[in-house]
Amino acid sequence: MCTLYRFINNCGASFDMFKYFFKIISELKMVRQLDVYSKIEFRGTVKFSYAKNSNPMEINLEVCTVYGKQTMIRQAIEKWCKQFEEGRTELQDEAGKGRPSTSTTADHIGRVDEVFHMNHWIKN
């Protein structure tokens, strides 16, 4: 029981959550731990639990039991729950905002070559 309580504490839960967790375990009789999962699968689990009216703390506890303590932190679960509440339906990341990570176009390559040829300090 002490090991179980330490595990719950590592997931950021209180003693009330420990009692809730113990109730879940006694109802399920067995929990299978998943070692391999994708973030989309994980977010789907959060969305499913949110749809069952579980609060972020309960979701975090359930997720820690199935996926282990190396999962999404409670604050991130709260963020996802808030986004689902606001109407978000997609589980994938939104398209990146701001500057693209690369910009390799023929125009840019030509400009860089031009700068290299104009500056006599740069050697080919």
Protein backbone atom coordinates (compact mmCIF):
# COMPACT_ATOMS: atom_id res chain seq x y z
CA MET A 1 0.00 0.00 0.00
CA CYS A 2 2.89 2.41 0.75
CA THR A 3 4.41 1.82 -2.67
CA LEU A 4 1.05 2.57 -4.24
CA TYR A 5 0.78 5.81 -2.26
CA ARG A 6 4.30 6.88 -3.37
CA PHE A 7 3.34 6.15 -6.98
CA ILE A 8 0.24 8.34 -6.61
CA ASN A 9 2.33 11.14 -5.11
CA ASN A 10 4.73 10.96 -8.07
CA CYS A 11 1.74 11.58 -10.33
CA GLY A 12 0.93 14.74 -8.35
CA ALA A 13 -2.13 13.47 -6.51
CA SER A 14 -3.46 14.00 -2.99
CA PHE A 15 -4.62 11.47 -0.40
CA ASP A 16 -8.20 11.86 -1.67
CA MET A 17 -6.98 10.87 -5.09
CA PHE A 18 -5.18 7.93 -3.49
CA LYS A 19 -8.51 6.73 -2.10
CA TYR A 20 -10.13 7.27 -5.50
CA PHE A 21 -7.31 5.34 -7.18
CA PHE A 22 -7.64 2.49 -4.70
CA LYS A 23 -11.36 2.34 -5.46
CA ILE A 24 -10.63 2.13 -9.20
CA ILE A 25 -8.09 -0.65 -8.68
CA SER A 26 -10.47 -2.63 -6.50
CA GLU A 27 -13.17 -2.27 -9.17
CA LEU A 28 -10.94 -3.20 -12.08
CA LYS A 29 -9.05 -5.94 -10.23
CA MET A 30 -6.22 -5.54 -12.70
CA VAL A 31 -4.62 -2.75 -14.68
CA ARG A 32 -2.42 -3.49 -17.65
CA GLN A 33 0.45 -1.02 -18.10
CA LEU A 34 1.07 0.16 -21.66
CA ASP A 35 4.69 0.77 -22.59
CA VAL A 36 4.26 2.03 -26.14
CA TYR A 37 1.74 4.66 -27.13
CA SER A 38 1.45 7.70 -29.37
CA LYS A 39 0.58 11.20 -28.25
CA ILE A 40 -2.58 11.04 -30.40
CA GLU A 41 -3.66 7.88 -28.59
CA PHE A 42 -2.90 9.52 -25.26
CA ARG A 43 -4.88 12.65 -26.16
CA GLY A 44 -7.76 10.41 -27.24
CA THR A 45 -7.71 8.83 -23.80
CA VAL A 46 -7.83 12.29 -22.21
CA LYS A 47 -10.71 13.29 -24.49
CA PHE A 48 -12.62 10.09 -23.67
CA SER A 49 -12.18 10.61 -19.93
CA TYR A 50 -13.18 14.26 -20.28
CA ALA A 51 -16.35 13.16 -22.10
CA LYS A 52 -17.17 10.95 -19.10
CA ASN A 53 -17.11 14.15 -16.95
CA SER A 54 -13.87 13.21 -15.20
CA ASN A 55 -11.92 16.18 -13.88
CA PRO A 56 -8.25 16.70 -14.87
CA MET A 57 -6.97 15.28 -11.56
CA GLU A 58 -8.96 12.06 -12.04
CA ILE A 59 -7.83 11.85 -15.66
CA ASN A 60 -4.21 12.30 -14.59
CA LEU A 61 -4.57 9.52 -12.05
CA GLU A 62 -6.16 7.12 -14.49
CA VAL A 63 -3.56 7.95 -17.15
CA CYS A 64 -0.70 7.38 -14.69
CA THR A 65 -2.07 3.93 -13.87
CA VAL A 66 -2.25 2.85 -17.50
CA TYR A 67 0.60 4.73 -19.19
CA GLY A 68 2.98 5.10 -16.23
CA LYS A 69 4.32 8.22 -14.60
CA GLN A 70 6.33 9.31 -17.67
CA THR A 71 3.20 10.70 -19.31
CA MET A 72 1.71 14.13 -19.87
CA ILE A 73 1.77 16.31 -16.76
CA ARG A 74 -1.45 17.35 -15.04
CA GLN A 75 -1.19 20.94 -16.28
CA ALA A 76 -1.11 19.72 -19.89
CA ILE A 77 -4.15 17.53 -19.22
CA GLU A 78 -5.91 20.60 -17.81
CA LYS A 79 -4.99 22.53 -20.97
CA TRP A 80 -6.40 19.79 -23.21
CA CYS A 81 -9.59 19.55 -21.13
CA LYS A 82 -10.06 23.31 -21.46
CA GLN A 83 -9.56 23.09 -25.23
CA PHE A 84 -12.13 20.25 -25.46
CA GLU A 85 -14.53 22.35 -23.39
CA GLU A 86 -14.04 25.24 -25.83
CA GLY A 87 -15.04 22.96 -28.70
CA ARG A 88 -11.78 21.51 -29.99
CA THR A 89 -12.28 18.14 -31.65
CA GLU A 90 -8.92 17.46 -33.31
CA LEU A 91 -6.24 15.50 -31.47
CA GLN A 92 -3.40 16.43 -33.82
CA ASP A 93 -1.18 19.42 -33.21
CA GLU A 94 -2.27 22.60 -34.91
CA ALA A 95 -0.21 23.83 -37.82
CA GLY A 96 2.86 25.69 -36.64
CA LYS A 97 2.58 29.43 -36.30
CA GLY A 98 5.28 31.92 -37.14
CA ARG A 99 8.39 31.47 -39.20
CA PRO A 100 8.84 28.16 -41.01
CA SER A 101 11.75 26.01 -39.85
CA THR A 102 13.32 26.06 -43.33
CA SER A 103 12.89 28.23 -46.38
CA THR A 104 14.77 26.64 -49.23
CA THR A 105 13.46 28.10 -52.44
CA ALA A 106 15.19 28.90 -55.70
CA ASP A 107 14.79 32.61 -54.91
CA HIS A 108 16.52 32.31 -51.53
CA ILE A 109 19.33 30.17 -52.95
CA GLY A 110 19.90 32.79 -55.67
CA ARG A 111 20.04 35.61 -53.11
CA VAL A 112 22.56 33.76 -50.94
CA ASP A 113 24.76 33.01 -53.97
CA GLU A 114 24.58 36.66 -54.95
CA VAL A 115 25.76 37.77 -51.48
CA PHE A 116 28.64 35.27 -51.59
CA HIS A 117 29.79 36.48 -55.00
CA MET A 118 29.54 40.15 -54.06
CA ASN A 119 31.60 39.79 -50.88
CA HIS A 120 35.26 39.25 -51.72
CA TRP A 121 36.03 38.15 -48.14
CA ILE A 122 33.99 34.98 -48.58
CA LYS A 123 35.91 32.18 -50.30
CA ASN A 124 34.19 29.51 -52.40
